[in-house]
């Protein structure tokens, strides 16, 4: 009896896992786009901070190593600061353009 009830519970939980989620609305899509932009910006900030710390460590090494330490050719790339986070949402399509009838039915009507 216990095995049957466990199997029934597992089957019910499995059917709940296959439930379909509703499509995201425009506000959720906009929020997701902003979060993606902020994540990309944070990656640039992290890369900038890493670059600055590597430059600092290299400068300290060159200072303390003496005359034998010379920078390799072409390895001194300038770190670029990404600046503050600014998000500008993409332009939305006008509502009347999205709801306008397509040209295909009109072309099909002319052929008749």
C-alpha atoms as a PDB file:
ATOM      1  CA  UNK A   1       0.000   0.000   0.000  1.00  0.00           C
ATOM      2  CA  UNK A   2       2.854   2.348   0.829  1.00  0.00           C
ATOM      3  CA  UNK A   3       4.538   1.712  -2.540  1.00  0.00           C
ATOM      4  CA  UNK A   4       1.306   2.488  -4.359  1.00  0.00           C
ATOM      5  CA  UNK A   5       0.777   5.748  -2.496  1.00  0.00           C
ATOM      6  CA  UNK A   6       4.395   6.796  -3.099  1.00  0.00           C
ATOM      7  CA  UNK A   7       4.019   6.052  -6.808  1.00  0.00           C
ATOM      8  CA  UNK A   8       0.792   8.084  -6.925  1.00  0.00           C
ATOM      9  CA  UNK A   9       2.430  11.028  -5.169  1.00  0.00           C
ATOM     10  CA  UNK A  10       5.418  10.869  -7.532  1.00  0.00           C
ATOM     11  CA  UNK A  11       3.105  10.821 -10.552  1.00  0.00           C
ATOM     12  CA  UNK A  12       1.195  13.868  -9.260  1.00  0.00           C
ATOM     13  CA  UNK A  13       4.407  15.775  -8.590  1.00  0.00           C
ATOM     14  CA  UNK A  14       5.640  14.915 -12.074  1.00  0.00           C
ATOM     15  CA  UNK A  15       2.471  16.248 -13.662  1.00  0.00           C
ATOM     16  CA  UNK A  16       2.846  19.514 -11.723  1.00  0.00           C
ATOM     17  CA  UNK A  17       6.395  19.867 -13.023  1.00  0.00           C
ATOM     18  CA  UNK A  18       5.103  19.807 -16.606  1.00  0.00           C
ATOM     19  CA  UNK A  19       2.671  22.680 -16.039  1.00  0.00           C
ATOM     20  CA  UNK A  20       3.088  25.437 -18.603  1.00  0.00           C
ATOM     21  CA  UNK A  21       4.129  28.869 -17.377  1.00  0.00           C
ATOM     22  CA  UNK A  22       2.419  31.952 -18.794  1.00  0.00           C
ATOM     23  CA  UNK A  23       4.298  34.048 -21.337  1.00  0.00           C
ATOM     24  CA  UNK A  24       6.178  36.993 -19.812  1.00  0.00           C
ATOM     25  CA  UNK A  25       4.578  40.396 -20.227  1.00  0.00           C
ATOM     26  CA  UNK A  26       6.345  43.510 -21.508  1.00  0.00           C
ATOM     27  CA  UNK A  27       7.313  44.701 -18.026  1.00  0.00           C
ATOM     28  CA  UNK A  28       8.991  41.379 -17.230  1.00  0.00           C
ATOM     29  CA  UNK A  29      10.835  41.429 -20.568  1.00  0.00           C
ATOM     30  CA  UNK A  30      12.035  44.987 -19.916  1.00  0.00           C
ATOM     31  CA  UNK A  31      13.210  44.067 -16.424  1.00  0.00           C
ATOM     32  CA  UNK A  32      15.071  41.035 -17.783  1.00  0.00           C
ATOM     33  CA  UNK A  33      16.740  43.166 -20.467  1.00  0.00           C
ATOM     34  CA  UNK A  34      17.842  45.680 -17.857  1.00  0.00           C
ATOM     35  CA  UNK A  35      19.215  42.897 -15.648  1.00  0.00           C
ATOM     36  CA  UNK A  36      21.157  41.491 -18.616  1.00  0.00           C
ATOM     37  CA  UNK A  37      22.595  44.940 -19.372  1.00  0.00           C
ATOM     38  CA  UNK A  38      23.599  45.426 -15.736  1.00  0.00           C
ATOM     39  CA  UNK A  39      25.270  41.999 -15.670  1.00  0.00           C
ATOM     40  CA  UNK A  40      27.254  42.845 -18.805  1.00  0.00           C
ATOM     41  CA  UNK A  41      28.301  46.188 -17.297  1.00  0.00           C
ATOM     42  CA  UNK A  42      29.362  44.467 -14.062  1.00  0.00           C
ATOM     43  CA  UNK A  43      31.553  42.133 -16.103  1.00  0.00           C
ATOM     44  CA  UNK A  44      33.260  45.160 -17.654  1.00  0.00           C
ATOM     45  CA  UNK A  45      33.765  46.704 -14.205  1.00  0.00           C
ATOM     46  CA  UNK A  46      35.279  43.456 -12.930  1.00  0.00           C
ATOM     47  CA  UNK A  47      37.644  43.303 -15.903  1.00  0.00           C
ATOM     48  CA  UNK A  48      38.660  46.935 -15.307  1.00  0.00           C
ATOM     49  CA  UNK A  49      39.381  46.299 -11.619  1.00  0.00           C
ATOM     50  CA  UNK A  50      41.396  43.190 -12.498  1.00  0.00           C
ATOM     51  CA  UNK A  51      43.398  45.146 -15.063  1.00  0.00           C
ATOM     52  CA  UNK A  52      44.168  47.895 -12.544  1.00  0.00           C
ATOM     53  CA  UNK A  53      45.293  45.416  -9.892  1.00  0.00           C
ATOM     54  CA  UNK A  54      47.505  43.584 -12.416  1.00  0.00           C
ATOM     55  CA  UNK A  55      49.082  46.891 -13.444  1.00  0.00           C
ATOM     56  CA  UNK A  56      49.708  47.729  -9.789  1.00  0.00           C
ATOM     57  CA  UNK A  57      51.296  44.337  -9.123  1.00  0.00           C
ATOM     58  CA  UNK A  58      53.458  44.598 -12.257  1.00  0.00           C
ATOM     59  CA  UNK A  59      54.591  48.106 -11.310  1.00  0.00           C
ATOM     60  CA  UNK A  60      55.527  46.899  -7.826  1.00  0.00           C
ATOM     61  CA  UNK A  61      57.452  43.962  -9.301  1.00  0.00           C
ATOM     62  CA  UNK A  62      59.361  46.205 -11.705  1.00  0.00           C
ATOM     63  CA  UNK A  63      60.167  48.571  -8.846  1.00  0.00           C
ATOM     64  CA  UNK A  64      61.457  45.892  -6.481  1.00  0.00           C
ATOM     65  CA  UNK A  65      63.052  43.430  -8.942  1.00  0.00           C
ATOM     66  CA  UNK A  66      65.846  45.734  -9.944  1.00  0.00           C
ATOM     67  CA  UNK A  67      67.342  46.269 -13.364  1.00  0.00           C
ATOM     68  CA  UNK A  68      66.554  42.799 -14.747  1.00  0.00           C
ATOM     69  CA  UNK A  69      62.779  43.358 -14.913  1.00  0.00           C
ATOM     70  CA  UNK A  70      61.608  44.939 -18.139  1.00  0.00           C
ATOM     71  CA  UNK A  71      58.023  44.946 -19.420  1.00  0.00           C
ATOM     72  CA  UNK A  72      57.398  42.722 -22.412  1.00  0.00           C
ATOM     73  CA  UNK A  73      56.685  44.458 -25.699  1.00  0.00           C
ATOM     74  CA  UNK A  74      52.999  45.068 -26.368  1.00  0.00           C
ATOM     75  CA  UNK A  75      51.731  43.875 -22.982  1.00  0.00           C
ATOM     76  CA  UNK A  76      51.007  47.287 -21.496  1.00  0.00           C
ATOM     77  CA  UNK A  77      47.438  47.862 -22.665  1.00  0.00           C
ATOM     78  CA  UNK A  78      45.576  50.714 -21.029  1.00  0.00           C
ATOM     79  CA  UNK A  79      42.688  49.741 -18.763  1.00  0.00           C
ATOM     80  CA  UNK A  80      39.422  51.317 -19.886  1.00  0.00           C
ATOM     81  CA  UNK A  81      36.953  52.431 -17.242  1.00  0.00           C
ATOM     82  CA  UNK A  82      33.365  51.428 -18.185  1.00  0.00           C
ATOM     83  CA  UNK A  83      31.936  54.387 -16.255  1.00  0.00           C
ATOM     84  CA  UNK A  84      28.680  54.396 -14.287  1.00  0.00           C
ATOM     85  CA  UNK A  85      25.816  52.081 -15.214  1.00  0.00           C
ATOM     86  CA  UNK A  86      23.348  53.739 -17.564  1.00  0.00           C
ATOM     87  CA  UNK A  87      20.506  51.754 -19.099  1.00  0.00           C
ATOM     88  CA  UNK A  88      18.541  53.066 -22.049  1.00  0.00           C
ATOM     89  CA  UNK A  89      15.667  50.751 -22.981  1.00  0.00           C
ATOM     90  CA  UNK A  90      15.211  49.945 -26.657  1.00  0.00           C
ATOM     91  CA  UNK A  91      12.466  51.729 -28.574  1.00  0.00           C
ATOM     92  CA  UNK A  92       9.055  50.037 -28.453  1.00  0.00           C
ATOM     93  CA  UNK A  93       7.091  49.397 -31.639  1.00  0.00           C
ATOM     94  CA  UNK A  94       4.067  51.653 -32.026  1.00  0.00           C
ATOM     95  CA  UNK A  95       0.827  49.862 -31.121  1.00  0.00           C
ATOM     96  CA  UNK A  96      -0.932  50.806 -34.378  1.00  0.00           C
ATOM     97  CA  UNK A  97       1.919  49.392 -36.492  1.00  0.00           C
ATOM     98  CA  UNK A  98       1.812  46.098 -34.618  1.00  0.00           C
ATOM     99  CA  UNK A  99      -1.946  45.750 -35.000  1.00  0.00           C
ATOM    100  CA  UNK A 100      -2.122  46.893 -38.636  1.00  0.00           C
ATOM    101  CA  UNK A 101      -3.273  44.225 -41.091  1.00  0.00           C
ATOM    102  CA  UNK A 102      -0.554  42.731 -43.230  1.00  0.00           C
ATOM    103  CA  UNK A 103      -0.323  43.330 -46.958  1.00  0.00           C
ATOM    104  CA  UNK A 104      -0.650  39.648 -47.878  1.00  0.00           C
ATOM    105  CA  UNK A 105      -4.475  39.424 -47.548  1.00  0.00           C
ATOM    106  CA  UNK A 106      -4.866  42.592 -49.629  1.00  0.00           C
ATOM    107  CA  UNK A 107      -2.660  41.168 -52.365  1.00  0.00           C
ATOM    108  CA  UNK A 108      -4.600  37.900 -52.321  1.00  0.00           C
ATOM    109  CA  UNK A 109      -7.899  39.794 -52.619  1.00  0.00           C
ATOM    110  CA  UNK A 110      -6.655  41.687 -55.710  1.00  0.00           C
ATOM    111  CA  UNK A 111      -5.777  38.420 -57.498  1.00  0.00           C
ATOM    112  CA  UNK A 112      -9.366  37.164 -57.231  1.00  0.00           C
END
